Amino acid sequence: MVWDRTLQLVLDFLPLSLIAVGGGATVLPEMQRSVVDVHGWMTATQFSELFGLANASPGPNVLVVTLIGWQVAGVPGALGATLALCIPSCLLTFALFRLWQRFRDSPWVKCIEGGMAPLTVGLVLSSGYLVTRGANESAMAYAATALTAATVLATRVNPLWMIGLGAAAGLSGIL
């Protein structure tokens, strides 16, 4: 069963690697669809918790992929999911780097680069929406999420303080 799940994770995450423009978080909605909606390996809340844990931990944002793999199939799943999301995009980047540098002043390269920014922003926003929807189960939780987002956007408060306050509110039964 572990190896079946690991193979399925690899097959699901390999193609995502090639469209993960801006990092692993940009394909989070498709990862969530795969592990929650299609395979039922975890709930949307569990998925959001793994995302929160990965972002609260030091390291790259692709850590969430490793945690998803771990949750689904243990160590083989963690390794398989991480390698499936990292290796194809790294190989493609390596293969295209010289070509890209050679034509960097070309109009088509500038056009592609100009289109990548809004694409990445859209993918990141959809990931934020997905995590918000999966993590919140009450009106108070949605209000806390909105307050946290507004505070982080309007001030220089470290988001970890807001996560700590949210955890304290959850433990005290407020949320």
C-alpha atoms as a PDB file:
ATOM      1  CA  MET A   1       0.000   0.000   0.000  1.00  0.00           C
ATOM      2  CA  VAL A   2       2.838   2.434   0.845  1.00  0.00           C
ATOM      3  CA  TRP A   3       4.519   1.769  -2.498  1.00  0.00           C
ATOM      4  CA  ASP A   4       1.227   2.119  -4.393  1.00  0.00           C
ATOM      5  CA  ARG A   5       0.597   5.484  -2.771  1.00  0.00           C
ATOM      6  CA  THR A   6       4.196   6.576  -3.373  1.00  0.00           C
ATOM      7  CA  LEU A   7       3.953   5.688  -7.045  1.00  0.00           C
ATOM      8  CA  GLN A   8       0.655   7.554  -7.329  1.00  0.00           C
ATOM      9  CA  LEU A   9       2.168  10.625  -5.632  1.00  0.00           C
ATOM     10  CA  VAL A  10       5.078  10.542  -8.073  1.00  0.00           C
ATOM     11  CA  LEU A  11       2.749  10.217 -11.063  1.00  0.00           C
ATOM     12  CA  ASP A  12       0.550  13.057  -9.798  1.00  0.00           C
ATOM     13  CA  PHE A  13       3.415  15.412  -8.868  1.00  0.00           C
ATOM     14  CA  LEU A  14       5.758  14.870 -11.853  1.00  0.00           C
ATOM     15  CA  PRO A  15       3.730  16.972 -14.302  1.00  0.00           C
ATOM     16  CA  LEU A  16       3.133  19.625 -11.633  1.00  0.00           C
ATOM     17  CA  SER A  17       6.872  20.173 -11.474  1.00  0.00           C
ATOM     18  CA  LEU A  18       6.879  21.565 -14.990  1.00  0.00           C
ATOM     19  CA  ILE A  19       4.147  24.122 -14.285  1.00  0.00           C
ATOM     20  CA  ALA A  20       5.260  25.138 -10.777  1.00  0.00           C
ATOM     21  CA  VAL A  21       6.148  28.657 -11.892  1.00  0.00           C
ATOM     22  CA  GLY A  22       7.211  30.544  -8.783  1.00  0.00           C
ATOM     23  CA  GLY A  23       7.733  27.490  -6.607  1.00  0.00           C
ATOM     24  CA  GLY A  24       5.820  24.549  -5.200  1.00  0.00           C
ATOM     25  CA  ALA A  25       3.175  26.722  -3.564  1.00  0.00           C
ATOM     26  CA  THR A  26       1.848  27.737  -6.973  1.00  0.00           C
ATOM     27  CA  VAL A  27       0.608  24.212  -7.679  1.00  0.00           C
ATOM     28  CA  LEU A  28      -0.823  23.719  -4.201  1.00  0.00           C
ATOM     29  CA  PRO A  29      -4.445  23.674  -5.435  1.00  0.00           C
ATOM     30  CA  GLU A  30      -3.709  20.764  -7.760  1.00  0.00           C
ATOM     31  CA  MET A  31      -1.790  18.914  -5.043  1.00  0.00           C
ATOM     32  CA  GLN A  32      -4.742  19.421  -2.704  1.00  0.00           C
ATOM     33  CA  ARG A  33      -7.170  18.223  -5.363  1.00  0.00           C
ATOM     34  CA  SER A  34      -5.089  15.083  -5.839  1.00  0.00           C
ATOM     35  CA  VAL A  35      -4.534  14.059  -2.204  1.00  0.00           C
ATOM     36  CA  VAL A  36      -7.840  15.297  -0.757  1.00  0.00           C
ATOM     37  CA  ASP A  37     -10.494  15.208  -3.470  1.00  0.00           C
ATOM     38  CA  VAL A  38      -9.290  12.443  -5.811  1.00  0.00           C
ATOM     39  CA  HIS A  39      -7.547   9.966  -3.501  1.00  0.00           C
ATOM     40  CA  GLY A  40      -9.028  10.912  -0.092  1.00  0.00           C
ATOM     41  CA  TRP A  41      -5.710  10.413   1.683  1.00  0.00           C
ATOM     42  CA  MET A  42      -6.362  13.386   3.994  1.00  0.00           C
ATOM     43  CA  THR A  43      -8.920  16.086   4.696  1.00  0.00           C
ATOM     44  CA  ALA A  44      -8.710  19.689   3.511  1.00  0.00           C
ATOM     45  CA  THR A  45      -8.054  20.714   7.110  1.00  0.00           C
ATOM     46  CA  GLN A  46      -5.137  18.283   7.423  1.00  0.00           C
ATOM     47  CA  PHE A  47      -3.745  19.582   4.133  1.00  0.00           C
ATOM     48  CA  SER A  48      -3.951  23.177   5.383  1.00  0.00           C
ATOM     49  CA  GLU A  49      -2.280  22.177   8.648  1.00  0.00           C
ATOM     50  CA  LEU A  50       0.633  20.644   6.729  1.00  0.00           C
ATOM     51  CA  PHE A  51       0.917  23.836   4.681  1.00  0.00           C
ATOM     52  CA  GLY A  52       0.993  25.915   7.869  1.00  0.00           C
ATOM     53  CA  LEU A  53       3.594  23.656   9.462  1.00  0.00           C
ATOM     54  CA  ALA A  54       5.798  23.833   6.364  1.00  0.00           C
ATOM     55  CA  ASN A  55       5.612  27.621   6.276  1.00  0.00           C
ATOM     56  CA  ALA A  56       6.283  27.998   9.990  1.00  0.00           C
ATOM     57  CA  SER A  57       9.397  25.850   9.668  1.00  0.00           C
ATOM     58  CA  PRO A  58      12.676  27.220   8.372  1.00  0.00           C
ATOM     59  CA  GLY A  59      13.570  26.090   4.885  1.00  0.00           C
ATOM     60  CA  PRO A  60      12.201  26.205   1.373  1.00  0.00           C
ATOM     61  CA  ASN A  61       8.488  26.391   0.621  1.00  0.00           C
ATOM     62  CA  VAL A  62       8.698  23.009  -1.123  1.00  0.00           C
ATOM     63  CA  LEU A  63       8.802  21.454   2.352  1.00  0.00           C
ATOM     64  CA  VAL A  64       5.016  21.150   2.159  1.00  0.00           C
ATOM     65  CA  VAL A  65       5.444  18.553  -0.601  1.00  0.00           C
ATOM     66  CA  THR A  66       7.676  16.464   1.643  1.00  0.00           C
ATOM     67  CA  LEU A  67       5.133  16.682   4.469  1.00  0.00           C
ATOM     68  CA  ILE A  68       2.301  15.664   2.132  1.00  0.00           C
ATOM     69  CA  GLY A  69       4.326  12.662   0.970  1.00  0.00           C
ATOM     70  CA  TRP A  70       5.154  11.764   4.577  1.00  0.00           C
ATOM     71  CA  GLN A  71       1.497  11.942   5.604  1.00  0.00           C
ATOM     72  CA  VAL A  72       0.377   9.817   2.647  1.00  0.00           C
ATOM     73  CA  ALA A  73       3.092   7.136   2.504  1.00  0.00           C
ATOM     74  CA  GLY A  74       5.782   7.695   5.134  1.00  0.00           C
ATOM     75  CA  VAL A  75       9.446   8.028   4.153  1.00  0.00           C
ATOM     76  CA  PRO A  76       9.022   6.604   0.623  1.00  0.00           C
ATOM     77  CA  GLY A  77       6.167   9.020   0.010  1.00  0.00           C
ATOM     78  CA  ALA A  78       8.162  11.983   1.319  1.00  0.00           C
ATOM     79  CA  LEU A  79      11.131  11.155  -0.902  1.00  0.00           C
ATOM     80  CA  GLY A  80       8.998  10.304  -3.934  1.00  0.00           C
ATOM     81  CA  ALA A  81       6.825  13.418  -3.766  1.00  0.00           C
ATOM     82  CA  THR A  82       9.779  15.741  -3.172  1.00  0.00           C
ATOM     83  CA  LEU A  83      11.888  14.274  -5.966  1.00  0.00           C
ATOM     84  CA  ALA A  84       8.918  14.211  -8.350  1.00  0.00           C
ATOM     85  CA  LEU A  85       8.277  17.900  -7.799  1.00  0.00           C
ATOM     86  CA  CYS A  86      11.939  18.985  -7.876  1.00  0.00           C
ATOM     87  CA  ILE A  87      13.812  16.883 -10.431  1.00  0.00           C
ATOM     88  CA  PRO A  88      11.872  17.592 -13.659  1.00  0.00           C
ATOM     89  CA  SER A  89      11.878  21.366 -13.184  1.00  0.00           C
ATOM     90  CA  CYS A  90      15.573  21.355 -12.224  1.00  0.00           C
ATOM     91  CA  LEU A  91      16.468  19.341 -15.325  1.00  0.00           C
ATOM     92  CA  LEU A  92      14.387  21.613 -17.551  1.00  0.00           C
ATOM     93  CA  THR A  93      15.935  24.726 -16.017  1.00  0.00           C
ATOM     94  CA  PHE A  94      19.423  23.322 -16.479  1.00  0.00           C
ATOM     95  CA  ALA A  95      18.715  22.378 -20.098  1.00  0.00           C
ATOM     96  CA  LEU A  96      17.180  25.733 -21.048  1.00  0.00           C
ATOM     97  CA  PHE A  97      19.446  28.111 -19.120  1.00  0.00           C
ATOM     98  CA  ARG A  98      22.052  28.615 -21.851  1.00  0.00           C
ATOM     99  CA  LEU A  99      19.427  28.980 -24.532  1.00  0.00           C
ATOM    100  CA  TRP A 100      17.551  31.520 -22.431  1.00  0.00           C
ATOM    101  CA  GLN A 101      20.730  33.513 -21.784  1.00  0.00           C
ATOM    102  CA  ARG A 102      21.624  33.503 -25.460  1.00  0.00           C
ATOM    103  CA  PHE A 103      18.286  35.032 -26.440  1.00  0.00           C
ATOM    104  CA  ARG A 104      17.688  37.162 -23.313  1.00  0.00           C
ATOM    105  CA  ASP A 105      17.334  40.382 -25.329  1.00  0.00           C
ATOM    106  CA  SER A 106      14.907  38.836 -27.787  1.00  0.00           C
ATOM    107  CA  PRO A 107      11.345  40.233 -27.869  1.00  0.00           C
ATOM    108  CA  TRP A 108       9.799  36.781 -27.392  1.00  0.00           C
ATOM    109  CA  VAL A 109      11.861  36.203 -24.221  1.00  0.00           C
ATOM    110  CA  LYS A 110      10.729  39.543 -22.798  1.00  0.00           C
ATOM    111  CA  CYS A 111       7.138  38.665 -23.727  1.00  0.00           C
ATOM    112  CA  ILE A 112       7.349  35.318 -21.919  1.00  0.00           C
ATOM    113  CA  GLU A 113       8.931  36.913 -18.849  1.00  0.00           C
ATOM    114  CA  GLY A 114       6.221  39.602 -18.804  1.00  0.00           C
ATOM    115  CA  GLY A 115       3.510  36.949 -18.857  1.00  0.00           C
ATOM    116  CA  MET A 116       5.050  34.869 -16.098  1.00  0.00           C
ATOM    117  CA  ALA A 117       4.544  37.484 -13.364  1.00  0.00           C
ATOM    118  CA  PRO A 118       0.727  37.649 -13.557  1.00  0.00           C
ATOM    119  CA  LEU A 119       0.569  33.881 -13.973  1.00  0.00           C
ATOM    120  CA  THR A 120       2.614  33.370 -10.820  1.00  0.00           C
ATOM    121  CA  VAL A 121       0.540  35.912  -8.867  1.00  0.00           C
ATOM    122  CA  GLY A 122      -2.660  34.144  -9.905  1.00  0.00           C
ATOM    123  CA  LEU A 123      -1.312  30.746  -8.911  1.00  0.00           C
ATOM    124  CA  VAL A 124      -0.148  32.023  -5.517  1.00  0.00           C
ATOM    125  CA  LEU A 125      -3.510  33.722  -4.859  1.00  0.00           C
ATOM    126  CA  SER A 126      -5.377  30.524  -5.716  1.00  0.00           C
ATOM    127  CA  SER A 127      -3.135  28.663  -3.267  1.00  0.00           C
ATOM    128  CA  GLY A 128      -3.919  31.208  -0.543  1.00  0.00           C
ATOM    129  CA  TYR A 129      -7.642  30.852  -1.218  1.00  0.00           C
ATOM    130  CA  LEU A 130      -7.409  27.066  -1.046  1.00  0.00           C
ATOM    131  CA  VAL A 131      -5.516  27.026   2.247  1.00  0.00           C
ATOM    132  CA  THR A 132      -7.873  29.607   3.764  1.00  0.00           C
ATOM    133  CA  ARG A 133     -10.899  27.578   2.739  1.00  0.00           C
ATOM    134  CA  GLY A 134      -9.450  24.338   4.128  1.00  0.00           C
ATOM    135  CA  ALA A 135      -8.248  25.805   7.412  1.00  0.00           C
ATOM    136  CA  ASN A 136     -11.342  27.741   8.403  1.00  0.00           C
ATOM    137  CA  GLU A 137     -14.440  26.063   9.723  1.00  0.00           C
ATOM    138  CA  SER A 138     -16.266  28.956  11.396  1.00  0.00           C
ATOM    139  CA  ALA A 139     -16.994  32.645  10.965  1.00  0.00           C
ATOM    140  CA  MET A 140     -14.546  33.429  13.786  1.00  0.00           C
ATOM    141  CA  ALA A 141     -11.803  31.483  12.019  1.00  0.00           C
ATOM    142  CA  TYR A 142     -12.437  33.406   8.781  1.00  0.00           C
ATOM    143  CA  ALA A 143     -12.336  36.670  10.741  1.00  0.00           C
ATOM    144  CA  ALA A 144      -9.036  35.667  12.353  1.00  0.00           C
ATOM    145  CA  THR A 145      -7.596  34.830   8.923  1.00  0.00           C
ATOM    146  CA  ALA A 146      -8.714  38.177   7.507  1.00  0.00           C
ATOM    147  CA  LEU A 147      -7.292  40.030  10.528  1.00  0.00           C
ATOM    148  CA  THR A 148      -3.994  38.169  10.199  1.00  0.00           C
ATOM    149  CA  ALA A 149      -3.732  38.915   6.469  1.00  0.00           C
ATOM    150  CA  ALA A 150      -4.545  42.591   7.024  1.00  0.00           C
ATOM    151  CA  THR A 151      -2.033  42.891   9.876  1.00  0.00           C
ATOM    152  CA  VAL A 152       0.758  41.230   7.902  1.00  0.00           C
ATOM    153  CA  LEU A 153       0.057  43.369   4.831  1.00  0.00           C
ATOM    154  CA  ALA A 154      -0.257  46.656   6.728  1.00  0.00           C
ATOM    155  CA  THR A 155       2.572  46.276   9.244  1.00  0.00           C
ATOM    156  CA  ARG A 156       5.986  44.730   9.596  1.00  0.00           C
ATOM    157  CA  VAL A 157       4.773  42.249  12.210  1.00  0.00           C
ATOM    158  CA  ASN A 158       6.331  38.839  11.682  1.00  0.00           C
ATOM    159  CA  PRO A 159       3.597  36.390  10.567  1.00  0.00           C
ATOM    160  CA  LEU A 160       4.809  33.875  13.154  1.00  0.00           C
ATOM    161  CA  TRP A 161       3.457  36.149  15.903  1.00  0.00           C
ATOM    162  CA  MET A 162       0.054  36.036  14.241  1.00  0.00           C
ATOM    163  CA  ILE A 163       0.275  32.256  13.896  1.00  0.00           C
ATOM    164  CA  GLY A 164       1.113  32.037  17.609  1.00  0.00           C
ATOM    165  CA  LEU A 165      -1.866  34.225  18.514  1.00  0.00           C
ATOM    166  CA  GLY A 166      -4.099  32.068  16.319  1.00  0.00           C
ATOM    167  CA  ALA A 167      -2.799  28.910  17.978  1.00  0.00           C
ATOM    168  CA  ALA A 168      -3.434  30.404  21.429  1.00  0.00           C
ATOM    169  CA  ALA A 169      -6.956  31.397  20.383  1.00  0.00           C
ATOM    170  CA  GLY A 170      -7.578  27.895  19.074  1.00  0.00           C
ATOM    171  CA  LEU A 171      -6.306  26.255  22.242  1.00  0.00           C
ATOM    172  CA  SER A 172      -8.409  28.535  24.431  1.00  0.00           C
ATOM    173  CA  GLY A 173     -11.533  27.679  22.457  1.00  0.00           C
ATOM    174  CA  ILE A 174     -12.042  31.148  21.006  1.00  0.00           C
ATOM    175  CA  LEU A 175     -11.731  29.841  17.445  1.00  0.00           C
END
